[in-house]
Amino acid sequence: MSLLKKIVVFSSGLLLLGACGAGENAGSSGESGGGKLSVVTTTGQVRDIAAHIGGEQADVQGMMGPGVDPHLYEPTQQDVQNLTEADLNLYNGLNLEGNMGEVFQNVESETPSFAVAENVPEDMLISGGEDYPHDPHVWFDPDRWAYAVKAVRDAFIEVDPANEEAYKERAQEYLDMLDEMDTYAEEQIHKIPEESRVIVTAHDAFSYFGDAYGMEVKGLQGISTDAEFGVGDVNNIVDLMVERSIGALFVESSVSEQAVNSVVEGAKEQGQQVEIGGELYSDAMGEAGTEEGTYEGMFRHNIDTIVSSLQ
């Protein structure tokens, strides 16, 4: 039996135990017990929203830390136990946390669980191909990510209506920050010559960013980092960079540099000097306690890194 199947069975067992003990545990949640709401999130981007909106009313845990790839993340039994014991679970959805789909299906009858990126209107979503009907990396466009913020706000209100006004106020603060980041991005991107507005990265995580700010985006791998890349993929990117005289490409904090280094070497063989323009935060944010450990800091870092390398 695979690890994931064992965890799904384990989660089902926890739900049965929870049902048997429901009478004893009634009133023990953060909401009804007078304490803080226990909230479990997956990615750093979702956690950042939840921590801000939840404020002093919530104790927010993040399952996936800095440098962790959500496409490949395998939940532990402790993760599942935390999910079943929480008052609220929040995750990105759109198949970003691909290996956790069954887990959330098993725990949602016990704990309210919300896929916040699935609140984005379908006509605003970008196709992700056969395995991903929709690209899940919506946080790279603040306008689209605002829908996720509203989903988190509404989830908090649903499980804790007594603090509705506090959640609404803090959600508006977050939405205002997203507006500021959107304005900042537009102002900075204009510093890059139009012919140089091309982002080349290890995997295709920046399509929403490109769509929002008029940049062409190329990735060696597809939407997910579990997609294979071959010599043909490397050669196609090398040819593009040589033909367009693109002098920089970017590594990602949660993805191996192997693919990017292959492009650098391939371009060098064709006489094109290509530099690594810096590290972008894609599927994971920075270390806790750093600016890049927040959505605002991560987004600003990415903008500054892209602009300084391409202008």
Protein backbone atom coordinates (compact mmCIF):
# COMPACT_ATOMS: atom_id res chain seq x y z
CA MET A 1 0.00 0.00 0.00
CA SER A 2 1.40 3.42 -0.96
CA LEU A 3 2.07 6.09 1.66
CA LEU A 4 -0.77 8.24 0.34
CA LYS A 5 -3.25 5.34 0.46
CA LYS A 6 -2.17 4.57 4.02
CA ILE A 7 -2.78 8.20 4.94
CA VAL A 8 -6.22 8.20 3.31
CA VAL A 9 -7.13 5.07 5.29
CA PHE A 10 -5.71 6.70 8.42
CA SER A 11 -7.79 9.83 7.83
CA SER A 12 -10.92 7.73 7.38
CA GLY A 13 -10.16 6.04 10.69
CA LEU A 14 -9.75 9.38 12.40
CA LEU A 15 -13.13 10.47 11.09
CA LEU A 16 -14.75 7.35 12.53
CA LEU A 17 -13.12 7.98 15.88
CA GLY A 18 -14.24 11.59 15.72
CA ALA A 19 -17.82 10.54 15.05
CA CYS A 20 -17.78 8.12 17.98
CA GLY A 21 -16.50 10.82 20.31
CA ALA A 22 -18.60 13.66 18.99
CA GLY A 23 -20.77 13.82 22.08
CA GLU A 24 -17.77 14.09 24.41
CA ASN A 25 -15.95 16.68 22.29
CA ALA A 26 -18.88 18.98 21.52
CA GLY A 27 -17.98 22.56 22.31
CA SER A 28 -14.20 21.95 22.28
CA SER A 29 -13.42 23.89 19.10
CA GLY A 30 -11.82 27.31 19.18
CA GLU A 31 -15.07 28.96 18.14
CA SER A 32 -17.38 27.43 20.75
CA GLY A 33 -14.81 27.05 23.51
CA GLY A 34 -13.99 30.73 23.67
CA GLY A 35 -10.41 30.28 22.45
CA LYS A 36 -8.79 30.91 19.09
CA LEU A 37 -9.93 29.19 15.94
CA SER A 38 -7.59 26.40 14.88
CA VAL A 39 -6.89 26.94 11.17
CA VAL A 40 -4.74 24.71 8.95
CA THR A 41 -3.49 25.93 5.58
CA THR A 42 -1.36 24.37 2.86
CA THR A 43 0.83 26.88 1.00
CA GLY A 44 2.51 29.97 2.36
CA GLN A 45 0.39 32.17 0.10
CA VAL A 46 -2.84 30.84 1.61
CA ARG A 47 -1.41 30.95 5.11
CA ASP A 48 -0.49 34.63 4.69
CA ILE A 49 -4.09 35.55 3.91
CA ALA A 50 -5.45 33.43 6.75
CA ALA A 51 -3.02 34.81 9.33
CA HIS A 52 -3.89 38.39 8.44
CA ILE A 53 -7.66 37.94 8.31
CA GLY A 54 -7.77 35.62 11.32
CA GLY A 55 -5.69 38.02 13.41
CA GLU A 56 -6.02 37.54 17.15
CA GLN A 57 -9.05 35.30 16.68
CA ALA A 58 -7.09 32.50 14.99
CA ASP A 59 -4.13 30.19 15.42
CA VAL A 60 -3.01 29.53 11.84
CA GLN A 61 -0.71 26.64 10.89
CA GLY A 62 0.98 26.21 7.52
CA MET A 63 1.71 22.69 6.30
CA MET A 64 4.19 23.65 3.57
CA GLY A 65 7.19 25.74 4.53
CA PRO A 66 9.74 27.70 2.47
CA GLY A 67 11.13 25.82 -0.52
CA VAL A 68 8.44 23.14 -0.40
CA ASP A 69 6.88 22.21 -3.74
CA PRO A 70 3.09 21.82 -3.32
CA HIS A 71 2.81 19.81 -6.55
CA LEU A 72 4.93 17.05 -5.01
CA TYR A 73 4.06 17.38 -1.32
CA GLU A 74 3.14 14.13 0.42
CA PRO A 75 1.00 14.69 3.54
CA THR A 76 2.08 13.01 6.75
CA GLN A 77 -0.21 11.30 9.23
CA GLN A 78 0.33 14.27 11.54
CA ASP A 79 -0.87 16.57 8.76
CA VAL A 80 -4.07 14.57 8.42
CA GLN A 81 -4.63 14.57 12.17
CA ASN A 82 -4.18 18.35 12.24
CA LEU A 83 -6.69 18.71 9.41
CA THR A 84 -9.31 16.60 11.15
CA GLU A 85 -8.88 18.38 14.49
CA ALA A 86 -8.94 21.92 13.07
CA ASP A 87 -11.90 24.29 13.06
CA LEU A 88 -11.14 25.36 9.49
CA ASN A 89 -8.96 24.11 6.62
CA LEU A 90 -7.88 26.36 3.75
CA TYR A 91 -6.05 25.25 0.63
CA ASN A 92 -5.37 26.61 -2.84
CA GLY A 93 -7.20 24.00 -4.90
CA LEU A 94 -7.27 23.80 -8.72
CA ASN A 95 -5.15 20.68 -8.21
CA LEU A 96 -2.12 22.62 -6.96
CA GLU A 97 -1.84 20.25 -3.99
CA GLY A 98 -2.30 17.29 -6.32
CA ASN A 99 -1.37 14.53 -3.89
CA MET A 100 -3.75 15.81 -1.22
CA GLY A 101 -7.04 15.72 -3.12
CA GLU A 102 -8.25 12.51 -1.51
CA VAL A 103 -7.21 13.70 1.94
CA PHE A 104 -9.34 16.83 1.72
CA GLN A 105 -12.27 14.78 0.43
CA ASN A 106 -11.97 12.57 3.50
CA VAL A 107 -11.75 15.35 6.08
CA GLU A 108 -14.24 17.87 4.69
CA SER A 109 -17.20 16.09 6.30
CA GLU A 110 -15.51 16.60 9.68
CA THR A 111 -13.87 20.01 9.23
CA PRO A 112 -15.02 22.87 6.96
CA SER A 113 -12.48 22.90 4.12
CA PHE A 114 -12.27 25.51 1.36
CA ALA A 115 -10.29 25.59 -1.91
CA VAL A 116 -9.85 29.35 -2.00
CA ALA A 117 -8.46 29.75 -5.54
CA GLU A 118 -11.55 28.03 -6.89
CA ASN A 119 -13.44 31.20 -5.98
CA VAL A 120 -11.83 32.90 -9.00
CA PRO A 121 -14.44 33.15 -11.81
CA GLU A 122 -13.87 30.47 -14.41
CA ASP A 123 -13.58 32.98 -17.24
CA MET A 124 -10.59 34.51 -15.45
CA LEU A 125 -8.74 31.19 -15.18
CA ILE A 126 -6.06 30.12 -17.65
CA SER A 127 -6.09 26.64 -19.12
CA GLY A 128 -3.41 24.38 -17.72
CA GLY A 129 -3.58 21.53 -20.21
CA GLU A 130 -4.69 17.92 -19.93
CA ASP A 131 -3.72 17.27 -16.30
CA TYR A 132 -4.61 20.77 -15.12
CA PRO A 133 -7.89 22.06 -16.60
CA HIS A 134 -6.97 25.36 -14.97
CA ASP A 135 -3.57 26.79 -14.06
CA PRO A 136 -3.55 26.91 -10.22
CA HIS A 137 -0.92 29.68 -9.82
CA VAL A 138 -3.48 32.48 -9.55
CA TRP A 139 -1.67 34.37 -6.76
CA PHE A 140 0.69 35.97 -9.29
CA ASP A 141 -2.11 38.29 -10.40
CA PRO A 142 -3.32 40.40 -7.45
CA ASP A 143 -6.67 41.04 -9.16
CA ARG A 144 -7.39 37.33 -9.38
CA TRP A 145 -5.91 36.59 -5.96
CA ALA A 146 -8.40 39.06 -4.46
CA TYR A 147 -11.09 36.42 -5.04
CA ALA A 148 -9.12 34.01 -2.85
CA VAL A 149 -8.94 36.66 -0.12
CA LYS A 150 -12.71 37.04 -0.24
CA ALA A 151 -13.09 33.26 -0.03
CA VAL A 152 -10.92 33.16 3.10
CA ARG A 153 -12.89 36.05 4.62
CA ASP A 154 -16.19 34.29 3.98
CA ALA A 155 -14.85 31.01 5.38
CA PHE A 156 -13.86 32.68 8.65
CA ILE A 157 -17.27 34.34 8.89
CA GLU A 158 -19.01 31.02 8.24
CA VAL A 159 -17.27 29.23 11.12
CA ASP A 160 -17.13 32.24 13.46
CA PRO A 161 -19.94 34.71 12.65
CA ALA A 162 -19.51 36.50 15.99
CA ASN A 163 -16.32 38.14 14.68
CA GLU A 164 -17.66 38.99 11.22
CA GLU A 165 -16.80 42.68 11.35
CA ALA A 166 -13.20 42.04 12.41
CA TYR A 167 -12.71 39.58 9.55
CA LYS A 168 -14.22 41.99 7.04
CA GLU A 169 -12.01 44.84 8.21
CA ARG A 170 -8.80 42.82 8.00
CA ALA A 171 -9.78 41.35 4.65
CA GLN A 172 -10.20 44.86 3.28
CA GLU A 173 -6.69 45.72 4.50
CA TYR A 174 -5.37 42.76 2.54
CA LEU A 175 -7.33 43.72 -0.56
CA ASP A 176 -5.92 47.25 -0.31
CA MET A 177 -2.40 45.77 -0.18
CA LEU A 178 -3.12 43.76 -3.33
CA ASP A 179 -4.19 46.95 -5.10
CA GLU A 180 -0.89 48.56 -4.07
CA MET A 181 1.10 45.58 -5.39
CA ASP A 182 -0.79 45.69 -8.67
CA THR A 183 0.02 49.37 -9.11
CA TYR A 184 3.66 48.78 -8.16
CA ALA A 185 3.99 45.96 -10.69
CA GLU A 186 2.52 48.02 -13.53
CA GLU A 187 4.83 50.95 -12.78
CA GLN A 188 7.96 48.80 -12.59
CA ILE A 189 7.28 46.57 -15.61
CA HIS A 190 7.11 49.67 -17.81
CA LYS A 191 10.84 50.12 -17.13
CA ILE A 192 11.56 46.98 -19.19
CA PRO A 193 11.83 47.50 -22.97
CA GLU A 194 8.88 45.81 -24.69
CA GLU A 195 11.11 43.45 -26.68
CA SER A 196 12.72 42.24 -23.43
CA ARG A 197 9.51 41.46 -21.57
CA VAL A 198 10.07 37.71 -21.56
CA ILE A 199 10.31 35.60 -18.40
CA VAL A 200 12.04 32.23 -18.77
CA THR A 201 11.80 29.93 -15.73
CA ALA A 202 12.08 26.28 -14.78
CA HIS A 203 8.34 25.58 -14.80
CA ASP A 204 5.27 27.35 -16.12
CA ALA A 205 4.12 29.12 -12.95
CA PHE A 206 3.97 32.72 -14.13
CA SER A 207 1.23 32.71 -16.78
CA TYR A 208 -1.14 34.81 -14.66
CA PHE A 209 1.65 37.29 -14.02
CA GLY A 210 2.39 37.48 -17.73
CA ASP A 211 -1.28 37.90 -18.58
CA ALA A 212 -1.71 40.69 -16.03
CA TYR A 213 1.37 42.71 -17.00
CA GLY A 214 1.90 42.02 -20.68
CA MET A 215 4.89 39.71 -20.38
CA GLU A 216 5.65 36.59 -22.38
CA VAL A 217 6.28 33.58 -20.16
CA LYS A 218 8.25 30.46 -21.06
CA GLY A 219 8.86 27.46 -18.81
CA LEU A 220 10.90 24.32 -19.40
CA GLN A 221 8.41 22.19 -17.52
CA GLY A 222 4.65 22.47 -17.64
CA ILE A 223 2.20 23.68 -14.99
CA SER A 224 3.44 21.07 -12.51
CA THR A 225 7.03 20.39 -11.51
CA ASP A 226 6.36 16.65 -11.79
CA ALA A 227 6.28 17.08 -15.58
CA GLU A 228 9.37 15.76 -17.33
CA PHE A 229 11.54 17.94 -19.52
CA GLY A 230 13.85 16.63 -22.22
CA VAL A 231 16.58 17.70 -24.61
CA GLY A 232 13.97 19.01 -27.03
CA ASP A 233 12.48 21.30 -24.38
CA VAL A 234 15.90 22.67 -23.50
CA ASN A 235 16.79 23.22 -27.16
CA ASN A 236 13.53 25.07 -27.82
CA ILE A 237 14.19 27.49 -24.96
CA VAL A 238 17.83 27.93 -26.01
CA ASP A 239 16.77 28.70 -29.60
CA LEU A 240 14.25 31.26 -28.34
CA MET A 241 16.79 33.00 -26.14
CA VAL A 242 19.41 33.11 -28.89
CA GLU A 243 16.93 34.31 -31.52
CA ARG A 244 15.47 37.02 -29.26
CA SER A 245 18.79 37.91 -27.58
CA ILE A 246 17.27 37.26 -24.16
CA GLY A 247 20.11 37.61 -21.69
CA ALA A 248 18.59 36.33 -18.45
CA LEU A 249 16.46 33.54 -17.08
CA PHE A 250 15.37 32.78 -13.56
CA VAL A 251 15.61 29.98 -11.03
CA GLU A 252 12.79 29.28 -8.59
CA SER A 253 13.03 28.87 -4.84
CA SER A 254 11.10 25.58 -4.79
CA VAL A 255 12.41 24.01 -8.03
CA SER A 256 15.74 22.35 -8.87
CA GLU A 257 18.17 24.50 -10.88
CA GLN A 258 19.05 21.59 -13.18
CA ALA A 259 16.76 22.66 -16.03
CA VAL A 260 17.86 26.29 -15.91
CA ASN A 261 21.55 25.36 -15.88
CA SER A 262 20.97 23.19 -18.97
CA VAL A 263 19.65 26.25 -20.82
CA VAL A 264 22.61 28.38 -19.75
CA GLU A 265 25.05 25.77 -21.07
CA GLY A 266 23.08 25.26 -24.28
CA ALA A 267 23.01 28.98 -25.03
CA LYS A 268 26.72 29.23 -24.32
CA GLU A 269 27.41 26.55 -26.94
CA GLN A 270 25.61 28.76 -29.48
CA GLY A 271 27.61 31.82 -28.49
CA GLN A 272 24.82 33.48 -26.49
CA GLN A 273 25.77 34.66 -23.01
CA VAL A 274 22.84 33.96 -20.70
CA GLU A 275 22.88 34.80 -17.02
CA ILE A 276 20.72 33.62 -14.18
CA GLY A 277 18.82 36.79 -13.37
CA GLY A 278 18.08 35.77 -9.82
CA GLU A 279 15.76 33.60 -7.79
CA LEU A 280 12.00 34.04 -8.00
CA TYR A 281 9.52 32.80 -5.44
CA SER A 282 7.00 30.69 -7.30
CA ASP A 283 5.14 27.91 -5.47
CA ALA A 284 6.62 28.73 -2.06
CA MET A 285 7.38 31.96 -0.23
CA GLY A 286 10.47 32.91 1.77
CA GLU A 287 11.51 32.10 5.32
CA ALA A 288 9.21 33.16 8.13
CA GLY A 289 10.29 36.45 9.64
CA THR A 290 11.72 37.78 6.37
CA GLU A 291 10.03 40.18 3.98
CA GLU A 292 9.84 37.41 1.39
CA GLY A 293 7.98 35.30 3.94
CA THR A 294 4.90 37.46 3.31
CA TYR A 295 2.87 37.76 0.13
CA GLU A 296 3.70 41.45 -0.20
CA GLY A 297 7.42 40.87 0.28
CA MET A 298 7.47 37.88 -2.07
CA PHE A 299 5.61 39.76 -4.81
CA ARG A 300 7.75 42.85 -4.48
CA HIS A 301 10.94 40.74 -4.54
CA ASN A 302 9.84 39.02 -7.75
CA ILE A 303 9.02 42.32 -9.44
CA ASP A 304 12.32 43.90 -8.44
CA THR A 305 14.32 40.83 -9.51
CA ILE A 306 12.63 40.62 -12.91
CA VAL A 307 12.93 44.33 -13.65
CA SER A 308 16.56 44.65 -12.57
CA SER A 309 17.53 41.71 -14.79
CA LEU A 310 15.58 42.63 -17.92
CA GLN A 311 15.58 46.43 -18.11
